[in-house]
Amino acid sequence: MEQTFASSSAPVTSLDHLGIAVTSIAAARELYEALGLTVAHEEIIEHEQVRVAMISAGGSRLELLEPLVPESPVGRFLAHRGPGLHHIALQVHDIAAALSALKARGVRLISEEVQTGAGGHLYFFVHPSSAGGVLLEICQDQGKK
């Protein structure tokens, strides 16, 4: 069942991934590989100052996040909270409509603009103060609408 933000133009279609902050992707991936999962994609996202590893897990994914520098958003998260769940990502059909709908409702956002992330997907973050204490990523696969 699809949920909507403000109109049918911005439905959430699925849970896309769970972001997990780690101090070392190399060390963290050992656990997931022991469970029979494999890293499908690994890359550096320069503007976020983070290395990411995407792990397919059934119909969803896990995203391991390793900071490149302590001052990065994920580095600061690790310094304050330690390793663990960083964010929940929801897939939408139309990210521009989702962003517009949330802005119209006065939802607090981390960034007012859509950015490009791992694997080329489009995304923006909803501030935890507007999402029940959870950092929420809204994303759309590049080229899908």
N, C-alpha and C. Protein backbone atom coordinates (compact mmCIF):
# COMPACT_ATOMS: atom_id res chain seq x y z
N MET A 1 0.84 -1.17 0.00
CA MET A 1 0.00 0.00 0.00
C MET A 1 0.88 1.23 0.00
N GLU A 2 0.63 2.15 -0.93
CA GLU A 2 1.44 3.36 -1.03
C GLU A 2 0.90 4.44 -0.10
N GLN A 3 1.83 5.14 0.58
CA GLN A 3 1.48 6.27 1.42
C GLN A 3 1.80 7.54 0.64
N THR A 4 1.10 8.62 0.89
CA THR A 4 1.38 9.86 0.19
C THR A 4 1.77 10.95 1.16
N PHE A 5 2.55 11.91 0.68
CA PHE A 5 2.93 13.06 1.48
C PHE A 5 1.79 14.07 1.49
N ALA A 6 1.43 14.61 0.35
CA ALA A 6 0.39 15.62 0.29
C ALA A 6 -0.53 15.39 -0.90
N SER A 7 -0.07 14.61 -1.84
CA SER A 7 -0.88 14.33 -3.02
C SER A 7 -0.40 13.04 -3.64
N SER A 8 -1.15 12.55 -4.60
CA SER A 8 -0.77 11.30 -5.24
C SER A 8 0.45 11.46 -6.15
N SER A 9 0.96 12.69 -6.31
CA SER A 9 2.13 12.90 -7.17
C SER A 9 3.43 12.53 -6.47
N ALA A 10 3.41 12.24 -5.17
CA ALA A 10 4.65 11.95 -4.44
C ALA A 10 4.51 10.73 -3.54
N PRO A 11 4.04 9.59 -4.08
CA PRO A 11 3.86 8.43 -3.20
C PRO A 11 5.18 7.75 -2.82
N VAL A 12 5.20 7.26 -1.59
CA VAL A 12 6.31 6.41 -1.16
C VAL A 12 6.01 5.03 -1.72
N THR A 13 6.97 4.47 -2.45
CA THR A 13 6.74 3.18 -3.08
C THR A 13 7.32 2.01 -2.29
N SER A 14 8.40 2.28 -1.53
CA SER A 14 9.01 1.19 -0.77
C SER A 14 10.07 1.71 0.17
N LEU A 15 10.47 0.83 1.08
CA LEU A 15 11.67 1.07 1.89
C LEU A 15 12.83 0.81 0.95
N ASP A 16 13.69 1.79 0.76
CA ASP A 16 14.80 1.62 -0.16
C ASP A 16 16.00 0.99 0.54
N HIS A 17 16.42 1.58 1.66
CA HIS A 17 17.54 1.02 2.40
C HIS A 17 17.60 1.57 3.81
N LEU A 18 18.42 0.91 4.61
CA LEU A 18 18.75 1.38 5.96
C LEU A 18 20.22 1.78 5.92
N GLY A 19 20.51 2.99 6.36
CA GLY A 19 21.89 3.47 6.42
C GLY A 19 22.48 3.16 7.78
N ILE A 20 23.65 2.54 7.79
CA ILE A 20 24.30 2.13 9.03
C ILE A 20 25.69 2.76 9.09
N ALA A 21 25.92 3.61 10.09
CA ALA A 21 27.22 4.24 10.27
C ALA A 21 28.19 3.23 10.89
N VAL A 22 29.37 3.12 10.28
CA VAL A 22 30.40 2.19 10.75
C VAL A 22 31.75 2.90 10.75
N THR A 23 32.66 2.43 11.58
CA THR A 23 34.00 3.01 11.57
C THR A 23 34.85 2.42 10.45
N SER A 24 34.49 1.20 10.01
CA SER A 24 35.25 0.55 8.94
C SER A 24 34.32 -0.35 8.13
N ILE A 25 34.18 -0.06 6.86
CA ILE A 25 33.38 -0.92 5.99
C ILE A 25 34.01 -2.30 5.90
N ALA A 26 35.33 -2.35 5.79
CA ALA A 26 36.03 -3.64 5.68
C ALA A 26 35.70 -4.55 6.85
N ALA A 27 35.71 -4.00 8.05
CA ALA A 27 35.39 -4.81 9.23
C ALA A 27 33.91 -5.16 9.29
N ALA A 28 33.05 -4.19 8.97
CA ALA A 28 31.60 -4.41 9.08
C ALA A 28 31.10 -5.42 8.05
N ARG A 29 31.66 -5.40 6.87
CA ARG A 29 31.14 -6.29 5.83
C ARG A 29 31.37 -7.77 6.15
N GLU A 30 32.34 -8.07 7.02
CA GLU A 30 32.58 -9.47 7.39
C GLU A 30 31.33 -10.11 7.98
N LEU A 31 30.62 -9.39 8.84
CA LEU A 31 29.39 -9.92 9.43
C LEU A 31 28.35 -10.21 8.36
N TYR A 32 28.14 -9.26 7.47
CA TYR A 32 27.10 -9.42 6.44
C TYR A 32 27.46 -10.53 5.46
N GLU A 33 28.75 -10.64 5.13
CA GLU A 33 29.18 -11.73 4.26
C GLU A 33 29.03 -13.08 4.94
N ALA A 34 29.24 -13.13 6.27
CA ALA A 34 29.02 -14.37 7.02
C ALA A 34 27.55 -14.78 6.98
N LEU A 35 26.66 -13.81 6.78
CA LEU A 35 25.22 -14.09 6.67
C LEU A 35 24.81 -14.43 5.23
N GLY A 36 25.78 -14.48 4.33
CA GLY A 36 25.49 -14.83 2.95
C GLY A 36 25.15 -13.64 2.06
N LEU A 37 25.32 -12.44 2.58
CA LEU A 37 25.05 -11.24 1.79
C LEU A 37 26.35 -10.75 1.16
N THR A 38 26.25 -10.03 0.06
CA THR A 38 27.44 -9.51 -0.59
C THR A 38 27.29 -8.01 -0.88
N VAL A 39 28.42 -7.35 -0.89
CA VAL A 39 28.44 -5.94 -1.25
C VAL A 39 28.26 -5.86 -2.76
N ALA A 40 27.20 -5.19 -3.18
CA ALA A 40 26.89 -5.08 -4.60
C ALA A 40 27.56 -3.87 -5.23
N HIS A 41 27.91 -2.90 -4.40
CA HIS A 41 28.39 -1.62 -4.94
C HIS A 41 29.11 -0.88 -3.82
N GLU A 42 30.26 -0.34 -4.14
CA GLU A 42 30.99 0.47 -3.16
C GLU A 42 31.54 1.70 -3.88
N GLU A 43 31.43 2.87 -3.24
CA GLU A 43 31.94 4.10 -3.85
C GLU A 43 32.14 5.18 -2.80
N ILE A 44 32.81 6.23 -3.20
CA ILE A 44 33.01 7.40 -2.34
C ILE A 44 32.08 8.49 -2.85
N ILE A 45 31.37 9.11 -1.91
CA ILE A 45 30.52 10.26 -2.22
C ILE A 45 31.26 11.48 -1.66
N GLU A 46 31.95 12.18 -2.55
CA GLU A 46 32.83 13.28 -2.15
C GLU A 46 32.10 14.37 -1.36
N HIS A 47 30.93 14.83 -1.85
CA HIS A 47 30.27 15.96 -1.19
C HIS A 47 29.74 15.61 0.19
N GLU A 48 29.59 14.32 0.50
CA GLU A 48 29.19 13.88 1.84
C GLU A 48 30.40 13.44 2.66
N GLN A 49 31.57 13.35 2.03
CA GLN A 49 32.80 12.90 2.66
C GLN A 49 32.61 11.53 3.33
N VAL A 50 32.09 10.60 2.52
CA VAL A 50 31.78 9.28 3.04
C VAL A 50 32.03 8.21 1.98
N ARG A 51 32.46 7.04 2.44
CA ARG A 51 32.55 5.85 1.60
C ARG A 51 31.29 5.03 1.91
N VAL A 52 30.63 4.54 0.87
CA VAL A 52 29.43 3.74 1.07
C VAL A 52 29.59 2.37 0.43
N ALA A 53 28.97 1.40 1.04
CA ALA A 53 28.90 0.05 0.49
C ALA A 53 27.44 -0.38 0.55
N MET A 54 26.86 -0.70 -0.61
CA MET A 54 25.47 -1.14 -0.67
C MET A 54 25.42 -2.66 -0.68
N ILE A 55 24.59 -3.20 0.22
CA ILE A 55 24.45 -4.64 0.35
C ILE A 55 23.00 -4.99 0.06
N SER A 56 22.78 -5.83 -0.94
CA SER A 56 21.42 -6.28 -1.24
C SER A 56 20.95 -7.22 -0.14
N ALA A 57 19.71 -7.00 0.29
CA ALA A 57 19.13 -7.84 1.35
C ALA A 57 17.66 -8.06 1.03
N GLY A 58 17.39 -9.09 0.25
CA GLY A 58 16.01 -9.32 -0.17
C GLY A 58 15.57 -8.22 -1.12
N GLY A 59 14.41 -7.63 -0.85
CA GLY A 59 13.90 -6.56 -1.69
C GLY A 59 14.39 -5.20 -1.28
N SER A 60 15.29 -5.12 -0.31
CA SER A 60 15.79 -3.85 0.18
C SER A 60 17.32 -3.89 0.17
N ARG A 61 17.91 -2.89 0.79
CA ARG A 61 19.36 -2.85 0.86
C ARG A 61 19.81 -2.30 2.21
N LEU A 62 21.05 -2.59 2.54
CA LEU A 62 21.73 -1.98 3.68
C LEU A 62 22.83 -1.12 3.10
N GLU A 63 22.99 0.08 3.63
CA GLU A 63 24.03 0.98 3.17
C GLU A 63 25.00 1.22 4.33
N LEU A 64 26.21 0.70 4.20
CA LEU A 64 27.24 0.94 5.20
C LEU A 64 27.89 2.28 4.90
N LEU A 65 28.05 3.11 5.92
CA LEU A 65 28.57 4.46 5.76
C LEU A 65 29.83 4.62 6.60
N GLU A 66 30.96 4.84 5.96
CA GLU A 66 32.23 5.05 6.65
C GLU A 66 32.72 6.46 6.36
N PRO A 67 32.92 7.28 7.38
CA PRO A 67 33.36 8.65 7.12
C PRO A 67 34.78 8.69 6.58
N LEU A 68 35.02 9.65 5.67
CA LEU A 68 36.38 9.85 5.16
C LEU A 68 37.18 10.75 6.09
N VAL A 69 36.47 11.64 6.79
CA VAL A 69 37.10 12.55 7.75
C VAL A 69 36.20 12.68 8.97
N PRO A 70 36.76 12.92 10.14
CA PRO A 70 35.94 13.03 11.36
C PRO A 70 34.92 14.16 11.31
N GLU A 71 35.16 15.22 10.52
CA GLU A 71 34.26 16.36 10.47
C GLU A 71 33.07 16.16 9.53
N SER A 72 33.01 15.05 8.83
CA SER A 72 31.89 14.78 7.91
C SER A 72 30.63 14.52 8.73
N PRO A 73 29.45 14.62 8.10
CA PRO A 73 28.22 14.32 8.84
C PRO A 73 28.22 12.94 9.50
N VAL A 74 28.70 11.92 8.80
CA VAL A 74 28.74 10.58 9.39
C VAL A 74 29.83 10.50 10.46
N GLY A 75 30.93 11.20 10.26
CA GLY A 75 31.99 11.25 11.28
C GLY A 75 31.48 11.87 12.57
N ARG A 76 30.72 12.96 12.46
CA ARG A 76 30.14 13.61 13.65
C ARG A 76 29.10 12.70 14.30
N PHE A 77 28.32 12.00 13.48
CA PHE A 77 27.34 11.05 14.02
C PHE A 77 28.06 9.99 14.86
N LEU A 78 29.12 9.40 14.32
CA LEU A 78 29.87 8.37 15.04
C LEU A 78 30.47 8.92 16.34
N ALA A 79 30.97 10.14 16.29
CA ALA A 79 31.58 10.74 17.49
C ALA A 79 30.55 10.94 18.60
N HIS A 80 29.31 11.28 18.24
CA HIS A 80 28.27 11.53 19.23
C HIS A 80 27.48 10.30 19.63
N ARG A 81 27.25 9.39 18.70
CA ARG A 81 26.35 8.26 18.97
C ARG A 81 27.00 6.90 18.83
N GLY A 82 28.14 6.83 18.17
CA GLY A 82 28.79 5.55 17.93
C GLY A 82 28.16 4.86 16.72
N PRO A 83 28.69 3.69 16.37
CA PRO A 83 28.18 2.96 15.21
C PRO A 83 26.71 2.56 15.42
N GLY A 84 25.98 2.51 14.32
CA GLY A 84 24.60 2.05 14.39
C GLY A 84 23.73 2.65 13.31
N LEU A 85 22.43 2.46 13.47
CA LEU A 85 21.47 2.95 12.48
C LEU A 85 21.59 4.45 12.33
N HIS A 86 21.83 4.91 11.13
CA HIS A 86 22.01 6.33 10.83
C HIS A 86 20.75 6.93 10.22
N HIS A 87 20.14 6.23 9.25
CA HIS A 87 18.93 6.75 8.61
C HIS A 87 18.11 5.64 7.98
N ILE A 88 16.88 6.00 7.68
CA ILE A 88 15.96 5.13 6.94
C ILE A 88 15.65 5.83 5.63
N ALA A 89 15.74 5.12 4.51
CA ALA A 89 15.50 5.72 3.20
C ALA A 89 14.23 5.15 2.58
N LEU A 90 13.38 6.06 2.13
CA LEU A 90 12.13 5.70 1.46
C LEU A 90 12.21 6.08 -0.01
N GLN A 91 11.80 5.18 -0.87
CA GLN A 91 11.80 5.39 -2.32
C GLN A 91 10.50 6.08 -2.73
N VAL A 92 10.59 7.06 -3.62
CA VAL A 92 9.42 7.74 -4.17
C VAL A 92 9.51 7.72 -5.70
N HIS A 93 8.35 7.89 -6.35
CA HIS A 93 8.30 7.98 -7.82
C HIS A 93 8.81 9.32 -8.32
N ASP A 94 8.49 10.39 -7.59
CA ASP A 94 8.77 11.74 -8.06
C ASP A 94 9.37 12.56 -6.91
N ILE A 95 10.69 12.62 -6.87
CA ILE A 95 11.37 13.27 -5.75
C ILE A 95 11.09 14.76 -5.70
N ALA A 96 10.95 15.40 -6.85
CA ALA A 96 10.66 16.83 -6.87
C ALA A 96 9.29 17.09 -6.24
N ALA A 97 8.31 16.25 -6.53
CA ALA A 97 6.97 16.41 -5.95
C ALA A 97 7.02 16.15 -4.44
N ALA A 98 7.80 15.16 -4.02
CA ALA A 98 7.93 14.86 -2.59
C ALA A 98 8.55 16.04 -1.85
N LEU A 99 9.63 16.59 -2.41
CA LEU A 99 10.29 17.74 -1.80
C LEU A 99 9.34 18.93 -1.71
N SER A 100 8.64 19.20 -2.77
CA SER A 100 7.69 20.31 -2.81
C SER A 100 6.57 20.13 -1.78
N ALA A 101 6.04 18.91 -1.69
CA ALA A 101 4.95 18.62 -0.76
C ALA A 101 5.40 18.81 0.69
N LEU A 102 6.61 18.35 1.00
CA LEU A 102 7.12 18.48 2.37
C LEU A 102 7.41 19.93 2.72
N LYS A 103 7.99 20.67 1.77
CA LYS A 103 8.23 22.09 2.00
C LYS A 103 6.91 22.83 2.26
N ALA A 104 5.89 22.51 1.46
CA ALA A 104 4.58 23.16 1.59
C ALA A 104 3.96 22.90 2.96
N ARG A 105 4.28 21.77 3.57
CA ARG A 105 3.76 21.42 4.89
C ARG A 105 4.64 21.93 6.02
N GLY A 106 5.72 22.62 5.68
CA GLY A 106 6.61 23.18 6.70
C GLY A 106 7.51 22.16 7.36
N VAL A 107 7.74 21.03 6.71
CA VAL A 107 8.62 20.00 7.26
C VAL A 107 10.06 20.51 7.24
N ARG A 108 10.76 20.32 8.35
CA ARG A 108 12.16 20.75 8.44
C ARG A 108 13.03 19.77 7.66
N LEU A 109 13.86 20.31 6.78
CA LEU A 109 14.73 19.51 5.93
C LEU A 109 16.20 19.79 6.26
N ILE A 110 17.04 18.81 6.01
CA ILE A 110 18.48 19.00 6.19
C ILE A 110 19.01 19.86 5.04
N SER A 111 18.50 19.62 3.84
CA SER A 111 18.89 20.38 2.67
C SER A 111 17.64 20.72 1.88
N GLU A 112 17.60 21.89 1.32
CA GLU A 112 16.45 22.34 0.53
C GLU A 112 16.54 21.89 -0.92
N GLU A 113 17.60 21.17 -1.28
CA GLU A 113 17.81 20.76 -2.67
C GLU A 113 18.00 19.26 -2.77
N VAL A 114 17.61 18.71 -3.91
CA VAL A 114 17.85 17.30 -4.21
C VAL A 114 19.32 17.15 -4.59
N GLN A 115 19.95 16.10 -4.07
CA GLN A 115 21.36 15.82 -4.34
C GLN A 115 21.50 14.46 -5.02
N THR A 116 22.68 14.16 -5.52
CA THR A 116 22.95 12.87 -6.14
C THR A 116 23.85 12.07 -5.22
N GLY A 117 23.46 10.82 -4.96
CA GLY A 117 24.20 9.98 -4.03
C GLY A 117 24.71 8.70 -4.66
N ALA A 118 24.90 7.69 -3.82
CA ALA A 118 25.46 6.40 -4.22
C ALA A 118 24.66 5.80 -5.37
N GLY A 119 25.36 5.30 -6.36
CA GLY A 119 24.70 4.66 -7.49
C GLY A 119 23.94 5.65 -8.37
N GLY A 120 24.13 6.95 -8.12
CA GLY A 120 23.45 7.96 -8.92
C GLY A 120 22.03 8.27 -8.51
N HIS A 121 21.57 7.69 -7.36
CA HIS A 121 20.20 7.99 -6.97
C HIS A 121 20.07 9.41 -6.44
N LEU A 122 18.88 9.96 -6.58
CA LEU A 122 18.59 11.32 -6.12
C LEU A 122 18.05 11.24 -4.70
N TYR A 123 18.36 12.24 -3.88
CA TYR A 123 17.93 12.18 -2.49
C TYR A 123 17.90 13.54 -1.82
N PHE A 124 17.18 13.60 -0.71
CA PHE A 124 17.26 14.69 0.25
C PHE A 124 16.90 14.10 1.61
N PHE A 125 17.27 14.82 2.68
CA PHE A 125 17.02 14.32 4.02
C PHE A 125 16.00 15.19 4.76
N VAL A 126 15.12 14.51 5.50
CA VAL A 126 14.18 15.17 6.40
C VAL A 126 14.83 15.17 7.78
N HIS A 127 14.83 16.33 8.43
CA HIS A 127 15.45 16.46 9.75
C HIS A 127 14.73 15.57 10.76
N PRO A 128 15.46 14.94 11.68
CA PRO A 128 14.83 14.09 12.70
C PRO A 128 13.74 14.79 13.52
N SER A 129 13.84 16.10 13.69
CA SER A 129 12.82 16.81 14.47
C SER A 129 11.45 16.80 13.80
N SER A 130 11.42 16.53 12.50
CA SER A 130 10.15 16.44 11.78
C SER A 130 9.74 15.00 11.49
N ALA A 131 10.56 14.05 11.92
CA ALA A 131 10.30 12.64 11.57
C ALA A 131 10.39 11.73 12.80
N GLY A 132 9.87 12.19 13.91
CA GLY A 132 9.84 11.34 15.10
C GLY A 132 11.21 10.94 15.62
N GLY A 133 12.22 11.79 15.42
CA GLY A 133 13.55 11.48 15.92
C GLY A 133 14.40 10.66 14.97
N VAL A 134 13.90 10.37 13.77
CA VAL A 134 14.61 9.54 12.80
C VAL A 134 15.09 10.41 11.65
N LEU A 135 16.35 10.26 11.25
CA LEU A 135 16.82 10.90 10.04
C LEU A 135 16.22 10.11 8.88
N LEU A 136 15.45 10.80 8.05
CA LEU A 136 14.72 10.15 6.97
C LEU A 136 15.26 10.62 5.64
N GLU A 137 15.67 9.69 4.82
CA GLU A 137 16.12 10.01 3.47
C GLU A 137 14.99 9.70 2.50
N ILE A 138 14.71 10.64 1.63
CA ILE A 138 13.74 10.43 0.56
C ILE A 138 14.57 10.29 -0.72
N CYS A 139 14.35 9.22 -1.48
CA CYS A 139 15.20 8.98 -2.64
C CYS A 139 14.40 8.50 -3.86
N GLN A 140 15.02 8.66 -4.98
CA GLN A 140 14.46 8.20 -6.27
C GLN A 140 15.62 7.71 -7.11
N ASP A 141 15.47 6.56 -7.75
CA ASP A 141 16.52 6.09 -8.63
C ASP A 141 16.62 7.02 -9.83
N GLN A 142 17.83 7.34 -10.23
CA GLN A 142 18.07 8.23 -11.36
C GLN A 142 17.38 7.67 -12.60
N GLY A 143 16.67 8.52 -13.29
CA GLY A 143 16.00 8.10 -14.53
C GLY A 143 14.64 7.47 -14.34
N LYS A 144 14.21 7.22 -13.11
CA LYS A 144 12.89 6.63 -12.86
C LYS A 144 11.94 7.71 -12.43
N LYS A 145 10.79 7.74 -13.01
CA LYS A 145 9.74 8.68 -12.63
C LYS A 145 8.41 8.17 -13.07
